[in-house]
Amino acid sequence: MNNELKRIYSGSVVDAEFIGSVLEDNDIQFLIRNFQEESLVAGWAAGTIKGDASVFVFAEDYEKAMRLLDEIKASEMEEVSEE
């Protein structure tokens, strides 16, 4: 197994957790890096910034993970257009 990690998402913690649940449902291992939480553990609080969490997957799962993200985005666009 190639241990190289690739970032597939950077943004809100809530969205990162949702993406993680989709990846888990599709048997894709992932890592969520929560920068806000990391700063609190280190003893200081980072200001809230747009990219306060990132989701990473192994390089071998990158294409599959990106297809899933595209499906999520397409589904969200359909919901918005129906409103």
C-alpha atoms as a PDB file:
ATOM      1  CA  MET A   1       0.000   0.000   0.000  1.00  0.00           C
ATOM      2  CA  ASN A   2       1.233   3.456  -0.909  1.00  0.00           C
ATOM      3  CA  ASN A   3       1.204   5.572   2.248  1.00  0.00           C
ATOM      4  CA  GLU A   4       1.040   8.883   0.392  1.00  0.00           C
ATOM      5  CA  LEU A   5      -1.904  11.017   1.538  1.00  0.00           C
ATOM      6  CA  LYS A   6      -3.727  13.411  -0.774  1.00  0.00           C
ATOM      7  CA  ARG A   7      -6.006  16.209   0.335  1.00  0.00           C
ATOM      8  CA  ILE A   8      -9.496  16.017  -1.145  1.00  0.00           C
ATOM      9  CA  TYR A   9     -11.192  18.759   0.856  1.00  0.00           C
ATOM     10  CA  SER A  10     -10.394  21.857   2.860  1.00  0.00           C
ATOM     11  CA  GLY A  11     -13.099  23.882   4.562  1.00  0.00           C
ATOM     12  CA  SER A  12     -15.513  23.690   7.457  1.00  0.00           C
ATOM     13  CA  VAL A  13     -15.274  21.017  10.128  1.00  0.00           C
ATOM     14  CA  VAL A  14     -18.961  20.145   9.669  1.00  0.00           C
ATOM     15  CA  ASP A  15     -18.489  19.483   5.949  1.00  0.00           C
ATOM     16  CA  ALA A  16     -15.289  17.543   6.627  1.00  0.00           C
ATOM     17  CA  GLU A  17     -17.128  15.272   9.073  1.00  0.00           C
ATOM     18  CA  PHE A  18     -19.915  14.714   6.520  1.00  0.00           C
ATOM     19  CA  ILE A  19     -17.397  13.837   3.821  1.00  0.00           C
ATOM     20  CA  GLY A  20     -15.705  11.476   6.267  1.00  0.00           C
ATOM     21  CA  SER A  21     -18.993   9.656   6.841  1.00  0.00           C
ATOM     22  CA  VAL A  22     -19.494   9.269   3.075  1.00  0.00           C
ATOM     23  CA  LEU A  23     -15.965   7.926   2.680  1.00  0.00           C
ATOM     24  CA  GLU A  24     -16.479   5.514   5.573  1.00  0.00           C
ATOM     25  CA  ASP A  25     -19.726   4.255   4.002  1.00  0.00           C
ATOM     26  CA  ASN A  26     -17.735   3.524   0.843  1.00  0.00           C
ATOM     27  CA  ASP A  27     -14.866   1.720   2.635  1.00  0.00           C
ATOM     28  CA  ILE A  28     -12.315   4.472   1.986  1.00  0.00           C
ATOM     29  CA  GLN A  29      -9.848   5.156   4.777  1.00  0.00           C
ATOM     30  CA  PHE A  30      -9.438   8.848   5.536  1.00  0.00           C
ATOM     31  CA  LEU A  31      -7.910  11.339   7.927  1.00  0.00           C
ATOM     32  CA  ILE A  32      -9.550  14.554   9.070  1.00  0.00           C
ATOM     33  CA  ARG A  33      -7.163  17.226  10.253  1.00  0.00           C
ATOM     34  CA  ASN A  34      -9.025  19.730  12.412  1.00  0.00           C
ATOM     35  CA  PHE A  35      -6.787  22.781  12.772  1.00  0.00           C
ATOM     36  CA  GLN A  36      -9.007  24.492  15.351  1.00  0.00           C
ATOM     37  CA  GLU A  37      -8.920  21.429  17.621  1.00  0.00           C
ATOM     38  CA  GLU A  38      -5.178  21.004  17.121  1.00  0.00           C
ATOM     39  CA  SER A  39      -4.553  24.571  18.258  1.00  0.00           C
ATOM     40  CA  LEU A  40      -6.683  24.074  21.385  1.00  0.00           C
ATOM     41  CA  VAL A  41      -4.763  20.917  22.304  1.00  0.00           C
ATOM     42  CA  ALA A  42      -1.517  22.836  21.816  1.00  0.00           C
ATOM     43  CA  GLY A  43      -2.688  25.459  24.291  1.00  0.00           C
ATOM     44  CA  TRP A  44      -3.717  28.287  22.009  1.00  0.00           C
ATOM     45  CA  ALA A  45      -6.797  28.946  19.918  1.00  0.00           C
ATOM     46  CA  ALA A  46      -6.465  29.630  16.219  1.00  0.00           C
ATOM     47  CA  GLY A  47      -8.904  32.132  14.811  1.00  0.00           C
ATOM     48  CA  THR A  48     -11.710  30.638  12.778  1.00  0.00           C
ATOM     49  CA  ILE A  49     -10.627  30.550   9.159  1.00  0.00           C
ATOM     50  CA  LYS A  50     -12.320  29.175   6.076  1.00  0.00           C
ATOM     51  CA  GLY A  51     -10.056  26.137   5.861  1.00  0.00           C
ATOM     52  CA  ASP A  52     -10.193  25.004   9.455  1.00  0.00           C
ATOM     53  CA  ALA A  53     -10.334  21.299   8.526  1.00  0.00           C
ATOM     54  CA  SER A  54      -8.912  19.128   5.757  1.00  0.00           C
ATOM     55  CA  VAL A  55      -9.763  15.608   4.641  1.00  0.00           C
ATOM     56  CA  PHE A  56      -7.041  13.308   3.315  1.00  0.00           C
ATOM     57  CA  VAL A  57      -7.192   9.875   1.657  1.00  0.00           C
ATOM     58  CA  PHE A  58      -4.513   7.461   0.479  1.00  0.00           C
ATOM     59  CA  ALA A  59      -3.306   8.182  -3.057  1.00  0.00           C
ATOM     60  CA  GLU A  60      -4.721   4.875  -4.307  1.00  0.00           C
ATOM     61  CA  ASP A  61      -8.238   5.949  -3.203  1.00  0.00           C
ATOM     62  CA  TYR A  62      -7.975   9.517  -4.498  1.00  0.00           C
ATOM     63  CA  GLU A  63      -9.900   9.051  -7.763  1.00  0.00           C
ATOM     64  CA  LYS A  64     -12.738   7.142  -6.092  1.00  0.00           C
ATOM     65  CA  ALA A  65     -12.970   9.736  -3.316  1.00  0.00           C
ATOM     66  CA  MET A  66     -13.078  12.598  -5.817  1.00  0.00           C
ATOM     67  CA  ARG A  67     -15.893  10.886  -7.751  1.00  0.00           C
ATOM     68  CA  LEU A  68     -17.859  10.639  -4.501  1.00  0.00           C
ATOM     69  CA  LEU A  69     -17.285  14.348  -3.816  1.00  0.00           C
ATOM     70  CA  ASP A  70     -18.483  15.162  -7.330  1.00  0.00           C
ATOM     71  CA  GLU A  71     -21.647  13.137  -6.664  1.00  0.00           C
ATOM     72  CA  ILE A  72     -22.219  15.019  -3.404  1.00  0.00           C
ATOM     73  CA  LYS A  73     -21.800  18.377  -5.161  1.00  0.00           C
ATOM     74  CA  ALA A  74     -24.150  17.335  -7.976  1.00  0.00           C
ATOM     75  CA  SER A  75     -26.760  16.199  -5.446  1.00  0.00           C
ATOM     76  CA  GLU A  76     -26.506  19.517  -3.585  1.00  0.00           C
ATOM     77  CA  MET A  77     -26.909  21.449  -6.845  1.00  0.00           C
ATOM     78  CA  GLU A  78     -30.074  19.476  -7.673  1.00  0.00           C
ATOM     79  CA  GLU A  79     -31.528  20.273  -4.245  1.00  0.00           C
ATOM     80  CA  VAL A  80     -30.815  23.986  -4.682  1.00  0.00           C
ATOM     81  CA  SER A  81     -32.367  24.098  -8.164  1.00  0.00           C
ATOM     82  CA  GLU A  82     -35.523  22.370  -6.904  1.00  0.00           C
ATOM     83  CA  GLU A  83     -36.120  25.067  -4.272  1.00  0.00           C
END
